[in-house]
Amino acid sequence: MEVEIRRARHAAYLRLAAAHAGPLGPALLGHPELAPLYSKAYAACGGAEGLPCAG
C-alpha cells in the first residue's frame, strides 16, 4: 500500500513539474507536436522579471 502511494505521489510530482516547464511543458504532458515551438516561444519572450528568458 505504501509503495502505491509513493508511486502515485511521484507521478503527480512529475506531472506538476511538466506543467510548469515553460513552453515545453505541454510536450512533456503528451503533446509532442508542441515541442518544436519551444525555440520560437523562447525567442518571442519579452524577458519579464522572473521568467527564464529574463535579461
N, C-alpha and C. Protein backbone atom coordinates (compact mmCIF):
# COMPACT_ATOMS: atom_id res chain seq x y z
N MET A 1 0.82 -1.19 0.00
CA MET A 1 0.00 0.00 0.00
C MET A 1 0.87 1.26 0.00
N GLU A 2 1.89 1.29 0.83
CA GLU A 2 2.76 2.46 0.92
C GLU A 2 3.50 2.70 -0.40
N VAL A 3 3.91 1.61 -1.05
CA VAL A 3 4.60 1.73 -2.33
C VAL A 3 3.68 2.36 -3.38
N GLU A 4 2.44 1.96 -3.40
CA GLU A 4 1.48 2.52 -4.35
C GLU A 4 1.28 4.01 -4.12
N ILE A 5 1.23 4.42 -2.87
CA ILE A 5 1.07 5.83 -2.54
C ILE A 5 2.28 6.62 -3.01
N ARG A 6 3.48 6.07 -2.77
CA ARG A 6 4.70 6.76 -3.21
C ARG A 6 4.75 6.88 -4.72
N ARG A 7 4.37 5.82 -5.43
CA ARG A 7 4.37 5.87 -6.89
C ARG A 7 3.37 6.89 -7.42
N ALA A 8 2.20 6.93 -6.84
CA ALA A 8 1.18 7.90 -7.26
C ALA A 8 1.65 9.33 -6.98
N ARG A 9 2.26 9.54 -5.82
CA ARG A 9 2.76 10.87 -5.47
C ARG A 9 3.88 11.28 -6.42
N HIS A 10 4.78 10.35 -6.73
CA HIS A 10 5.87 10.64 -7.65
C HIS A 10 5.33 11.00 -9.04
N ALA A 11 4.35 10.28 -9.52
CA ALA A 11 3.74 10.57 -10.83
C ALA A 11 3.08 11.95 -10.82
N ALA A 12 2.43 12.29 -9.72
CA ALA A 12 1.80 13.61 -9.61
C ALA A 12 2.85 14.71 -9.63
N TYR A 13 3.97 14.50 -8.94
CA TYR A 13 5.04 15.49 -8.94
C TYR A 13 5.62 15.67 -10.34
N LEU A 14 5.77 14.57 -11.07
CA LEU A 14 6.30 14.66 -12.44
C LEU A 14 5.34 15.44 -13.34
N ARG A 15 4.05 15.20 -13.20
CA ARG A 15 3.07 15.95 -14.00
C ARG A 15 3.09 17.42 -13.63
N LEU A 16 3.21 17.73 -12.35
CA LEU A 16 3.28 19.11 -11.90
C LEU A 16 4.52 19.80 -12.46
N ALA A 17 5.65 19.13 -12.41
CA ALA A 17 6.88 19.70 -12.96
C ALA A 17 6.75 19.93 -14.46
N ALA A 18 6.15 18.99 -15.17
CA ALA A 18 5.97 19.14 -16.61
C ALA A 18 5.05 20.31 -16.93
N ALA A 19 4.01 20.47 -16.14
CA ALA A 19 3.05 21.55 -16.38
C ALA A 19 3.70 22.92 -16.19
N HIS A 20 4.77 22.98 -15.39
CA HIS A 20 5.44 24.25 -15.13
C HIS A 20 6.79 24.34 -15.83
N ALA A 21 6.96 23.56 -16.89
CA ALA A 21 8.24 23.52 -17.61
C ALA A 21 8.29 24.51 -18.76
N GLY A 22 7.50 25.55 -18.68
CA GLY A 22 7.51 26.55 -19.74
C GLY A 22 6.86 26.02 -21.01
N PRO A 23 7.29 26.52 -22.15
CA PRO A 23 6.68 26.12 -23.42
C PRO A 23 6.80 24.63 -23.71
N LEU A 24 7.79 23.98 -23.12
CA LEU A 24 7.97 22.56 -23.36
C LEU A 24 7.02 21.71 -22.53
N GLY A 25 6.39 22.29 -21.53
CA GLY A 25 5.50 21.55 -20.63
C GLY A 25 4.43 20.74 -21.34
N PRO A 26 3.66 21.33 -22.27
CA PRO A 26 2.62 20.53 -22.96
C PRO A 26 3.20 19.34 -23.71
N ALA A 27 4.41 19.47 -24.25
CA ALA A 27 5.03 18.35 -24.94
C ALA A 27 5.34 17.22 -23.94
N LEU A 28 5.79 17.60 -22.75
CA LEU A 28 6.09 16.60 -21.74
C LEU A 28 4.83 15.93 -21.21
N LEU A 29 3.69 16.61 -21.35
CA LEU A 29 2.43 16.06 -20.87
C LEU A 29 1.70 15.25 -21.94
N GLY A 30 2.35 15.00 -23.06
CA GLY A 30 1.75 14.14 -24.07
C GLY A 30 1.39 14.82 -25.37
N HIS A 31 1.91 16.00 -25.61
CA HIS A 31 1.66 16.70 -26.87
C HIS A 31 2.99 17.02 -27.54
N PRO A 32 3.66 15.99 -28.08
CA PRO A 32 4.98 16.21 -28.68
C PRO A 32 4.96 17.15 -29.87
N GLU A 33 3.81 17.35 -30.49
CA GLU A 33 3.74 18.27 -31.63
C GLU A 33 4.03 19.71 -31.22
N LEU A 34 3.95 19.99 -29.92
CA LEU A 34 4.23 21.34 -29.43
C LEU A 34 5.71 21.55 -29.11
N ALA A 35 6.49 20.49 -29.03
CA ALA A 35 7.90 20.61 -28.68
C ALA A 35 8.69 21.51 -29.63
N PRO A 36 8.48 21.44 -30.95
CA PRO A 36 9.25 22.31 -31.85
C PRO A 36 8.97 23.80 -31.65
N LEU A 37 7.90 24.14 -31.00
CA LEU A 37 7.56 25.55 -30.79
C LEU A 37 8.37 26.19 -29.66
N TYR A 38 9.13 25.39 -28.93
CA TYR A 38 9.87 25.90 -27.78
C TYR A 38 10.79 27.05 -28.16
N SER A 39 11.63 26.84 -29.18
CA SER A 39 12.60 27.87 -29.53
C SER A 39 11.90 29.14 -30.02
N LYS A 40 10.81 28.99 -30.75
CA LYS A 40 10.06 30.15 -31.23
C LYS A 40 9.45 30.92 -30.05
N ALA A 41 8.88 30.19 -29.10
CA ALA A 41 8.28 30.83 -27.93
C ALA A 41 9.35 31.49 -27.07
N TYR A 42 10.49 30.84 -26.92
CA TYR A 42 11.57 31.40 -26.12
C TYR A 42 12.11 32.67 -26.77
N ALA A 43 12.23 32.68 -28.10
CA ALA A 43 12.72 33.85 -28.82
C ALA A 43 11.76 35.03 -28.71
N ALA A 44 10.46 34.73 -28.59
CA ALA A 44 9.45 35.78 -28.51
C ALA A 44 9.25 36.29 -27.08
N CYS A 45 9.95 35.69 -26.13
CA CYS A 45 9.80 36.09 -24.74
C CYS A 45 10.31 37.51 -24.54
N GLY A 46 9.51 38.29 -23.88
CA GLY A 46 9.89 39.69 -23.65
C GLY A 46 10.91 39.91 -22.56
N GLY A 47 11.26 38.88 -21.84
CA GLY A 47 12.27 39.00 -20.81
C GLY A 47 11.77 39.58 -19.50
N ALA A 48 10.50 39.36 -19.19
CA ALA A 48 9.95 39.87 -17.94
C ALA A 48 10.66 39.26 -16.73
N GLU A 49 10.75 40.03 -15.68
CA GLU A 49 11.42 39.55 -14.47
C GLU A 49 10.74 38.29 -13.95
N GLY A 50 11.55 37.30 -13.59
CA GLY A 50 11.04 36.05 -13.06
C GLY A 50 10.89 34.96 -14.11
N LEU A 51 11.03 35.32 -15.38
CA LEU A 51 10.95 34.30 -16.43
C LEU A 51 12.35 33.81 -16.76
N PRO A 52 12.46 32.57 -17.26
CA PRO A 52 13.79 32.04 -17.61
C PRO A 52 14.51 32.89 -18.65
N CYS A 53 13.75 33.60 -19.49
CA CYS A 53 14.40 34.38 -20.55
C CYS A 53 14.64 35.83 -20.12
N ALA A 54 14.53 36.13 -18.86
CA ALA A 54 14.73 37.50 -18.38
C ALA A 54 16.16 37.95 -18.65
N GLY A 55 16.28 39.13 -19.24
CA GLY A 55 17.52 39.83 -19.50
C GLY A 55 18.69 38.94 -19.70
